[in-house]
Amino acid sequence: MGSFLFGALINLNHPDHYFQWHFLGISAANAIVIVLMVATFVAALLLPFPGRRRRKENQ
C-alpha cells in the first residue's frame, strides 16, 4: 500500500535528462547523487568530531 502512494507522488513516465561533455554522458539523477556524495565526504573531512572538544577540556 505504501509503495502505491509513493509511486503516485513521483511521475517516472518521462525521458531521462542527460549531461554530455565530449565523451562523457551522465544522467541528471546520477550527477545529483555524485555531488551529494562528494559534499558529504568534504563535510566529513572539515567538520570536527563531536567528542574532541570535551576531551581537550578534561586534560
N, C-alpha and C. Protein backbone atom coordinates (compact mmCIF):
# COMPACT_ATOMS: atom_id res chain seq x y z
N MET A 1 0.82 -1.20 0.00
CA MET A 1 0.00 0.00 0.00
C MET A 1 0.86 1.25 0.00
N GLY A 2 1.96 1.26 0.76
CA GLY A 2 2.83 2.42 0.84
C GLY A 2 3.52 2.72 -0.48
N SER A 3 3.95 1.67 -1.19
CA SER A 3 4.63 1.90 -2.47
C SER A 3 3.66 2.44 -3.52
N PHE A 4 2.39 2.09 -3.41
CA PHE A 4 1.40 2.63 -4.33
C PHE A 4 1.26 4.14 -4.14
N LEU A 5 1.23 4.58 -2.90
CA LEU A 5 1.11 6.01 -2.62
C LEU A 5 2.37 6.75 -3.03
N PHE A 6 3.53 6.16 -2.78
CA PHE A 6 4.80 6.79 -3.15
C PHE A 6 4.90 6.89 -4.67
N GLY A 7 4.49 5.86 -5.38
CA GLY A 7 4.53 5.89 -6.83
C GLY A 7 3.59 6.92 -7.42
N ALA A 8 2.51 7.21 -6.74
CA ALA A 8 1.56 8.21 -7.24
C ALA A 8 2.13 9.62 -7.09
N LEU A 9 3.04 9.84 -6.14
CA LEU A 9 3.59 11.17 -5.92
C LEU A 9 4.70 11.53 -6.91
N ILE A 10 5.40 10.54 -7.43
CA ILE A 10 6.53 10.77 -8.33
C ILE A 10 6.20 10.19 -9.69
N ASN A 11 6.19 11.03 -10.72
CA ASN A 11 5.90 10.60 -12.08
C ASN A 11 7.20 10.14 -12.74
N LEU A 12 7.31 8.84 -13.00
CA LEU A 12 8.50 8.29 -13.64
C LEU A 12 8.29 8.03 -15.12
N ASN A 13 7.21 8.49 -15.66
CA ASN A 13 6.89 8.24 -17.05
C ASN A 13 7.32 9.43 -17.93
N HIS A 14 8.63 9.68 -17.96
CA HIS A 14 9.18 10.74 -18.80
C HIS A 14 10.60 10.36 -19.19
N PRO A 15 11.15 10.95 -20.24
CA PRO A 15 12.51 10.59 -20.65
C PRO A 15 13.56 11.13 -19.66
N ASP A 16 14.69 10.43 -19.61
CA ASP A 16 15.78 10.86 -18.74
C ASP A 16 16.42 12.14 -19.26
N HIS A 17 17.06 12.86 -18.35
CA HIS A 17 17.84 14.04 -18.72
C HIS A 17 19.31 13.67 -18.60
N TYR A 18 20.08 13.94 -19.63
CA TYR A 18 21.50 13.60 -19.65
C TYR A 18 22.34 14.84 -19.87
N PHE A 19 23.51 14.87 -19.22
CA PHE A 19 24.52 15.89 -19.46
C PHE A 19 25.59 15.27 -20.35
N GLN A 20 25.99 15.96 -21.39
CA GLN A 20 27.00 15.45 -22.32
C GLN A 20 28.22 16.38 -22.32
N TRP A 21 29.39 15.81 -22.04
CA TRP A 21 30.66 16.53 -22.14
C TRP A 21 31.59 15.67 -22.99
N HIS A 22 31.85 16.08 -24.20
CA HIS A 22 32.72 15.36 -25.13
C HIS A 22 32.38 13.86 -25.14
N PHE A 23 33.17 13.05 -24.45
CA PHE A 23 32.97 11.60 -24.45
C PHE A 23 32.20 11.11 -23.23
N LEU A 24 31.89 12.01 -22.31
CA LEU A 24 31.24 11.62 -21.06
C LEU A 24 29.76 11.99 -21.10
N GLY A 25 28.92 11.03 -20.84
CA GLY A 25 27.49 11.27 -20.73
C GLY A 25 26.99 10.72 -19.40
N ILE A 26 26.29 11.54 -18.62
CA ILE A 26 25.82 11.11 -17.30
C ILE A 26 24.39 11.62 -17.11
N SER A 27 23.57 10.80 -16.48
CA SER A 27 22.19 11.21 -16.24
C SER A 27 22.15 12.23 -15.11
N ALA A 28 21.10 13.03 -15.09
CA ALA A 28 20.96 14.06 -14.07
C ALA A 28 20.84 13.44 -12.68
N ALA A 29 20.14 12.33 -12.56
CA ALA A 29 19.99 11.68 -11.25
C ALA A 29 21.34 11.20 -10.72
N ASN A 30 22.15 10.59 -11.58
CA ASN A 30 23.47 10.14 -11.14
C ASN A 30 24.38 11.31 -10.80
N ALA A 31 24.28 12.41 -11.54
CA ALA A 31 25.09 13.60 -11.25
C ALA A 31 24.72 14.16 -9.88
N ILE A 32 23.43 14.16 -9.53
CA ILE A 32 23.00 14.66 -8.23
C ILE A 32 23.53 13.77 -7.12
N VAL A 33 23.48 12.46 -7.31
CA VAL A 33 23.99 11.53 -6.30
C VAL A 33 25.49 11.72 -6.11
N ILE A 34 26.24 11.89 -7.18
CA ILE A 34 27.69 12.09 -7.08
C ILE A 34 28.01 13.39 -6.35
N VAL A 35 27.29 14.45 -6.66
CA VAL A 35 27.52 15.73 -5.98
C VAL A 35 27.22 15.62 -4.49
N LEU A 36 26.13 14.93 -4.12
CA LEU A 36 25.81 14.75 -2.71
C LEU A 36 26.86 13.90 -1.99
N MET A 37 27.39 12.88 -2.66
CA MET A 37 28.43 12.05 -2.05
C MET A 37 29.71 12.84 -1.82
N VAL A 38 30.10 13.66 -2.79
CA VAL A 38 31.30 14.48 -2.65
C VAL A 38 31.10 15.51 -1.54
N ALA A 39 29.92 16.13 -1.47
CA ALA A 39 29.64 17.11 -0.41
C ALA A 39 29.69 16.46 0.97
N THR A 40 29.16 15.25 1.10
CA THR A 40 29.21 14.53 2.37
C THR A 40 30.64 14.20 2.75
N PHE A 41 31.45 13.79 1.79
CA PHE A 41 32.85 13.47 2.05
C PHE A 41 33.62 14.71 2.50
N VAL A 42 33.42 15.83 1.83
CA VAL A 42 34.11 17.07 2.20
C VAL A 42 33.65 17.53 3.58
N ALA A 43 32.36 17.43 3.88
CA ALA A 43 31.87 17.80 5.21
C ALA A 43 32.47 16.91 6.29
N ALA A 44 32.62 15.62 6.00
CA ALA A 44 33.22 14.70 6.98
C ALA A 44 34.68 15.05 7.23
N LEU A 45 35.38 15.57 6.24
CA LEU A 45 36.77 15.96 6.43
C LEU A 45 36.89 17.27 7.20
N LEU A 46 35.99 18.20 6.98
CA LEU A 46 36.13 19.53 7.54
C LEU A 46 35.47 19.72 8.91
N LEU A 47 34.37 19.01 9.18
CA LEU A 47 33.68 19.18 10.45
C LEU A 47 34.42 18.45 11.56
N PRO A 48 34.51 19.07 12.74
CA PRO A 48 35.23 18.41 13.85
C PRO A 48 34.42 17.24 14.41
N PHE A 49 35.12 16.32 15.04
CA PHE A 49 34.46 15.22 15.72
C PHE A 49 33.72 15.75 16.93
N PRO A 50 32.55 15.19 17.26
CA PRO A 50 31.75 15.73 18.37
C PRO A 50 32.44 15.66 19.73
N GLY A 51 33.20 14.62 20.02
CA GLY A 51 33.81 14.46 21.34
C GLY A 51 35.16 15.11 21.49
N ARG A 52 35.70 15.70 20.46
CA ARG A 52 37.05 16.27 20.52
C ARG A 52 37.12 17.42 21.52
N ARG A 53 36.12 18.30 21.57
CA ARG A 53 36.15 19.46 22.45
C ARG A 53 36.11 19.03 23.92
N ARG A 54 35.28 18.02 24.23
CA ARG A 54 35.18 17.54 25.62
C ARG A 54 36.49 16.93 26.08
N ARG A 55 37.17 16.21 25.22
CA ARG A 55 38.45 15.58 25.61
C ARG A 55 39.51 16.62 25.89
N LYS A 56 39.53 17.71 25.13
CA LYS A 56 40.52 18.76 25.34
C LYS A 56 40.26 19.50 26.65
N GLU A 57 38.98 19.70 27.03
CA GLU A 57 38.65 20.41 28.27
C GLU A 57 39.02 19.57 29.49
N ASN A 58 38.93 18.23 29.40
CA ASN A 58 39.23 17.37 30.55
C ASN A 58 40.73 17.25 30.80
N GLN A 59 41.55 17.53 29.85
CA GLN A 59 43.00 17.36 30.03
C GLN A 59 43.65 18.57 30.60
